[in-house]
């Protein structure tokens, strides 16, 4: 065999051989179907650079985007009974919880942290839609109460980011009891004279919407977020009318006075800072 076969050809094959390319370098926008380079998407806080669609975010991302660069501290939440009803549908609830915890790397569908938001000391609670659809069970109720107590202890406002399909059916009446319990959490904050701000993200539905998600001093939503109690199809069948375009979307709710603001994710931290500053102001300056 010649030197061309033994040396040159292997070198050429190595030079032009196909290299393995990671599959997660590009992401397709679910709204406009455009491809977005992963670094551009992360730099824009998972907002499509083509159409502005706000993609769903993880708890870790939400906390990092909300708090200042000084960082934040997550708190350990109270433990609750894992499977109080010994519920089973297609699988045991205990098994479903175990799988959800391994997938989401979290104990349940809520996380609470405290730190600085645009220079203001703040307690933030974030719901995790990746954890059984962000459903509200006893752990979420206890987490909200813990967040409210921490806010009063630190004399800080409470900001809650909602993302949920509603009550967790595997906990039956116990999950429904979290609706008044979460309302109690909001009262703890308000009775202490502290701001309670809700940021509605996609989706916020069911018992979460029917309780603490609609009780904020200020209601903010991300663009395009689905917000409602029952599904549009159920409502259409009940009222027997065709619903308008964009029904239950953030912009529709803003137009009809149900929420106060629709804020882009890239502007959320600064907006929260301004709102907190205004709500913490005890007296307005005297007119000149």
Protein backbone atom coordinates (compact mmCIF):
# COMPACT_ATOMS: atom_id res chain seq x y z
CA UNK A 1 0.00 0.00 0.00
CA UNK A 2 1.25 3.48 -0.88
CA UNK A 3 1.71 6.43 1.42
CA UNK A 4 -1.42 7.97 -0.15
CA UNK A 5 -3.52 5.06 1.13
CA UNK A 6 -1.84 4.69 4.50
CA UNK A 7 -1.38 8.34 5.46
CA UNK A 8 -3.17 10.88 3.26
CA UNK A 9 -6.56 9.18 2.93
CA UNK A 10 -7.06 8.68 6.72
CA UNK A 11 -6.12 12.31 7.29
CA UNK A 12 -8.67 13.48 4.72
CA UNK A 13 -11.37 11.28 6.23
CA UNK A 14 -10.62 12.65 9.69
CA UNK A 15 -10.69 16.23 8.42
CA UNK A 16 -14.05 15.89 6.66
CA UNK A 17 -15.69 13.33 8.93
CA UNK A 18 -19.07 14.29 10.35
CA UNK A 19 -18.82 15.54 13.91
CA UNK A 20 -21.48 14.94 16.49
CA UNK A 21 -23.52 18.11 17.01
CA UNK A 22 -25.57 18.53 20.20
CA UNK A 23 -29.30 18.36 19.51
CA UNK A 24 -30.22 21.23 21.84
CA UNK A 25 -28.35 24.02 20.04
CA UNK A 26 -31.52 25.20 18.28
CA UNK A 27 -35.04 25.59 19.61
CA UNK A 28 -38.22 25.96 17.59
CA UNK A 29 -40.69 28.60 18.69
CA UNK A 30 -44.09 26.92 19.28
CA UNK A 31 -45.87 30.06 18.07
CA UNK A 32 -44.11 31.09 14.83
CA UNK A 33 -42.12 27.86 14.21
CA UNK A 34 -38.90 29.81 13.69
CA UNK A 35 -35.62 28.27 14.83
CA UNK A 36 -33.68 30.17 17.51
CA UNK A 37 -30.08 29.59 18.55
CA UNK A 38 -30.03 28.47 22.19
CA UNK A 39 -27.70 31.24 23.37
CA UNK A 40 -29.88 33.91 21.77
CA UNK A 41 -32.95 32.38 23.39
CA UNK A 42 -31.39 32.32 26.86
CA UNK A 43 -30.05 35.85 26.46
CA UNK A 44 -33.60 36.97 25.68
CA UNK A 45 -35.02 35.13 28.73
CA UNK A 46 -36.71 32.44 26.60
CA UNK A 47 -38.70 34.99 24.62
CA UNK A 48 -38.82 34.35 20.87
CA UNK A 49 -36.61 36.84 19.05
CA UNK A 50 -38.91 36.66 16.00
CA UNK A 51 -42.48 36.94 17.32
CA UNK A 52 -42.07 37.74 21.03
CA UNK A 53 -43.72 34.53 22.24
CA UNK A 54 -42.98 33.88 25.92
CA UNK A 55 -41.96 30.26 26.40
CA UNK A 56 -42.47 28.49 29.70
CA UNK A 57 -39.68 28.80 32.24
CA UNK A 58 -38.33 26.62 35.03
CA UNK A 59 -38.33 27.66 38.68
CA UNK A 60 -34.55 28.14 38.65
CA UNK A 61 -34.77 30.39 35.58
CA UNK A 62 -37.62 32.42 37.05
CA UNK A 63 -35.76 33.04 40.30
CA UNK A 64 -32.55 33.99 38.49
CA UNK A 65 -34.40 36.43 36.23
CA UNK A 66 -36.35 38.03 39.10
CA UNK A 67 -33.70 38.60 41.76
CA UNK A 68 -30.76 40.97 41.42
CA UNK A 69 -27.28 39.73 40.64
CA UNK A 70 -26.53 39.75 44.38
CA UNK A 71 -28.36 36.41 44.45
CA UNK A 72 -31.11 34.89 46.57
CA UNK A 73 -31.69 32.29 49.26
CA UNK A 74 -34.22 29.50 48.90
CA UNK A 75 -35.97 28.33 52.06
CA UNK A 76 -36.94 24.82 53.07
CA UNK A 77 -40.71 24.44 53.04
CA UNK A 78 -42.82 22.52 55.58
CA UNK A 79 -43.26 18.80 55.00
CA UNK A 80 -46.74 17.42 54.37
CA UNK A 81 -48.22 13.93 54.21
CA UNK A 82 -47.04 12.35 50.96
CA UNK A 83 -50.19 10.37 50.11
CA UNK A 84 -52.92 11.19 52.64
CA UNK A 85 -55.72 9.41 50.73
CA UNK A 86 -53.66 6.48 49.41
CA UNK A 87 -54.96 7.51 45.99
CA UNK A 88 -54.53 5.42 42.90
CA UNK A 89 -55.64 5.98 39.30
CA UNK A 90 -53.51 4.57 36.50
CA UNK A 91 -50.71 4.40 39.08
CA UNK A 92 -50.21 5.06 42.77
CA UNK A 93 -50.04 8.71 43.76
CA UNK A 94 -46.90 7.98 45.78
CA UNK A 95 -45.24 6.64 42.62
CA UNK A 96 -46.41 9.65 40.64
CA UNK A 97 -44.91 11.97 43.25
CA UNK A 98 -41.61 10.09 43.16
CA UNK A 99 -41.41 10.38 39.37
CA UNK A 100 -42.30 14.08 39.46
CA UNK A 101 -39.63 14.79 42.08
CA UNK A 102 -36.97 13.00 40.06
CA UNK A 103 -37.97 14.82 36.88
CA UNK A 104 -38.31 18.32 38.34
CA UNK A 105 -35.58 17.97 41.01
CA UNK A 106 -38.02 19.51 43.48
CA UNK A 107 -40.15 18.39 46.41
CA UNK A 108 -43.37 19.86 45.04
CA UNK A 109 -44.89 22.48 42.76
CA UNK A 110 -43.70 25.58 44.61
CA UNK A 111 -40.42 27.17 45.62
CA UNK A 112 -39.86 30.16 47.92
CA UNK A 113 -36.80 32.41 48.07
CA UNK A 114 -35.84 35.83 49.40
CA UNK A 115 -33.38 38.44 48.20
CA UNK A 116 -33.27 41.80 46.45
CA UNK A 117 -35.50 42.68 43.49
CA UNK A 118 -34.32 45.87 41.77
CA UNK A 119 -32.79 46.91 45.08
CA UNK A 120 -35.81 46.10 47.25
CA UNK A 121 -35.89 43.29 49.81
CA UNK A 122 -38.51 40.83 48.54
CA UNK A 123 -39.90 37.34 49.13
CA UNK A 124 -40.75 35.46 45.92
CA UNK A 125 -42.80 32.27 45.51
CA UNK A 126 -42.70 30.49 42.15
CA UNK A 127 -45.01 27.69 40.99
CA UNK A 128 -43.53 24.86 38.93
CA UNK A 129 -45.71 23.74 36.02
CA UNK A 130 -43.31 20.87 35.32
CA UNK A 131 -44.35 19.31 38.64
CA UNK A 132 -47.66 17.54 37.90
CA UNK A 133 -48.89 20.55 35.95
CA UNK A 134 -48.23 22.94 38.83
CA UNK A 135 -51.25 21.45 40.59
CA UNK A 136 -52.10 22.79 44.04
CA UNK A 137 -52.00 20.30 46.87
CA UNK A 138 -51.23 20.57 50.57
CA UNK A 139 -47.55 21.30 49.88
CA UNK A 140 -48.40 24.36 47.78
CA UNK A 141 -50.76 25.67 50.46
CA UNK A 142 -48.13 25.24 53.15
CA UNK A 143 -45.52 26.84 50.89
CA UNK A 144 -47.65 29.94 50.39
CA UNK A 145 -48.28 30.28 54.13
CA UNK A 146 -44.54 29.90 54.77
CA UNK A 147 -43.82 32.58 52.15
CA UNK A 148 -46.36 34.93 53.74
CA UNK A 149 -44.88 34.44 57.22
CA UNK A 150 -41.37 35.02 55.89
CA UNK A 151 -42.52 38.24 54.21
CA UNK A 152 -44.00 39.56 57.46
CA UNK A 153 -40.90 38.52 59.39
CA UNK A 154 -38.66 40.42 56.98
CA UNK A 155 -41.21 43.24 56.47
CA UNK A 156 -40.88 42.61 52.75
CA UNK A 157 -43.41 42.42 49.91
CA UNK A 158 -44.51 39.03 48.60
CA UNK A 159 -44.40 38.33 44.86
CA UNK A 160 -46.01 35.12 43.59
CA UNK A 161 -45.48 33.75 40.07
CA UNK A 162 -48.39 31.46 39.22
CA UNK A 163 -48.35 28.57 36.73
CA UNK A 164 -50.90 25.85 37.37
CA UNK A 165 -53.58 23.59 35.98
CA UNK A 166 -55.58 23.90 39.21
CA UNK A 167 -56.16 21.71 42.26
CA UNK A 168 -54.44 18.32 42.51
CA UNK A 169 -57.14 15.69 42.12
CA UNK A 170 -55.06 12.97 43.81
CA UNK A 171 -55.48 14.81 47.13
CA UNK A 172 -59.25 15.21 46.80
CA UNK A 173 -60.87 17.54 49.33
CA UNK A 174 -57.47 18.28 50.85
CA UNK A 175 -56.45 20.05 47.65
CA UNK A 176 -59.68 22.07 47.66
CA UNK A 177 -58.95 23.14 51.24
CA UNK A 178 -55.82 24.87 49.93
CA UNK A 179 -57.98 27.50 48.25
CA UNK A 180 -59.07 29.12 51.55
CA UNK A 181 -55.66 28.36 53.03
CA UNK A 182 -53.92 30.25 50.24
CA UNK A 183 -56.35 33.13 50.73
CA UNK A 184 -55.33 33.13 54.40
CA UNK A 185 -51.70 33.48 53.27
CA UNK A 186 -52.59 36.62 51.30
CA UNK A 187 -54.38 38.05 54.34
CA UNK A 188 -51.28 37.52 56.52
CA UNK A 189 -49.32 39.76 54.14
CA UNK A 190 -52.02 42.38 53.67
CA UNK A 191 -52.85 42.63 57.38
CA UNK A 192 -49.18 43.43 57.96
CA UNK A 193 -49.49 46.34 55.52
CA UNK A 194 -47.14 44.74 52.99
CA UNK A 195 -47.57 44.59 49.21
CA UNK A 196 -48.84 41.35 47.69
CA UNK A 197 -48.11 41.16 43.95
CA UNK A 198 -49.14 38.37 41.59
CA UNK A 199 -47.48 37.65 38.24
CA UNK A 200 -49.69 35.40 36.13
CA UNK A 201 -47.76 33.21 33.71
CA UNK A 202 -48.85 30.64 31.15
CA UNK A 203 -50.99 28.82 32.16
CA UNK A 204 -52.83 29.89 35.31
CA UNK A 205 -56.14 28.06 35.61
CA UNK A 206 -58.55 26.24 37.92
CA UNK A 207 -58.51 26.60 41.69
CA UNK A 208 -55.35 28.70 41.65
CA UNK A 209 -57.12 31.36 39.58
CA UNK A 210 -60.15 31.05 41.86
CA UNK A 211 -58.11 31.80 44.97
CA UNK A 212 -54.80 33.57 45.66
CA UNK A 213 -53.89 34.27 42.01
CA UNK A 214 -56.58 36.95 41.69
CA UNK A 215 -56.11 38.67 45.06
CA UNK A 216 -52.97 40.69 44.42
CA UNK A 217 -52.74 44.38 45.18
CA UNK A 218 -51.37 44.53 41.64
CA UNK A 219 -52.11 41.87 39.00
CA UNK A 220 -49.39 41.51 36.36
CA UNK A 221 -49.36 39.01 33.49
CA UNK A 222 -46.84 37.94 30.88
CA UNK A 223 -47.85 38.50 27.24
CA UNK A 224 -50.07 35.78 25.82
CA UNK A 225 -50.50 33.96 29.12
CA UNK A 226 -53.58 31.72 29.38
CA UNK A 227 -55.54 32.79 32.46
CA UNK A 228 -58.92 31.44 33.50
CA UNK A 229 -60.92 29.09 35.67
CA UNK A 230 -62.66 26.62 33.37
CA UNK A 231 -61.52 25.76 29.86
CA UNK A 232 -62.85 27.66 26.87
CA UNK A 233 -64.66 24.58 25.52
CA UNK A 234 -66.50 24.08 28.81
CA UNK A 235 -67.54 27.73 28.88
CA UNK A 236 -68.79 27.59 25.29
CA UNK A 237 -70.87 24.51 26.06
CA UNK A 238 -72.28 26.20 29.16
CA UNK A 239 -73.21 29.59 27.68
CA UNK A 240 -73.86 28.14 24.20
CA UNK A 241 -72.09 31.03 22.53
CA UNK A 242 -68.92 31.39 20.49
CA UNK A 243 -66.21 32.98 22.59
CA UNK A 244 -64.28 35.98 21.17
CA UNK A 245 -60.76 35.61 19.82
CA UNK A 246 -58.08 35.76 22.47
CA UNK A 247 -60.52 34.91 25.25
CA UNK A 248 -58.71 34.11 28.52
CA UNK A 249 -55.43 35.54 27.21
CA UNK A 250 -53.58 38.21 29.18
CA UNK A 251 -54.29 40.99 26.69
CA UNK A 252 -58.05 40.25 26.71
CA UNK A 253 -58.12 40.32 30.52
CA UNK A 254 -56.23 43.63 30.57
CA UNK A 255 -58.68 45.15 28.11
CA UNK A 256 -61.59 44.11 30.33
CA UNK A 257 -60.07 45.35 33.58
CA UNK A 258 -59.38 41.97 35.20
CA UNK A 259 -55.62 42.51 35.46
CA UNK A 260 -53.58 45.69 35.81
CA UNK A 261 -50.59 45.19 33.50
CA UNK A 262 -49.15 43.00 30.78
CA UNK A 263 -45.37 43.16 31.11
CA UNK A 264 -42.68 41.63 28.92
CA UNK A 265 -40.39 39.21 30.71
CA UNK A 266 -37.33 41.30 29.89
CA UNK A 267 -38.93 44.23 31.73
CA UNK A 268 -40.39 42.30 34.66
CA UNK A 269 -37.66 42.90 37.26
CA UNK A 270 -37.64 46.66 36.70
CA UNK A 271 -41.44 46.77 36.72
CA UNK A 272 -41.62 44.84 39.98
CA UNK A 273 -39.09 47.23 41.46
CA UNK A 274 -41.19 50.28 40.50
CA UNK A 275 -44.42 48.72 41.77
CA UNK A 276 -42.85 47.71 45.08
CA UNK A 277 -41.41 51.21 45.49
CA UNK A 278 -44.82 52.79 44.88
CA UNK A 279 -46.67 50.43 47.20
CA UNK A 280 -44.14 50.92 50.00
CA UNK A 281 -44.42 54.72 49.83
CA UNK A 282 -46.41 55.81 52.87
CA UNK A 283 -47.09 59.40 51.85
CA UNK A 284 -47.13 61.21 48.53
CA UNK A 285 -44.94 64.31 48.27
CA UNK A 286 -46.78 67.58 48.76
CA UNK A 287 -47.64 69.50 45.62
CA UNK A 288 -45.40 72.48 44.96
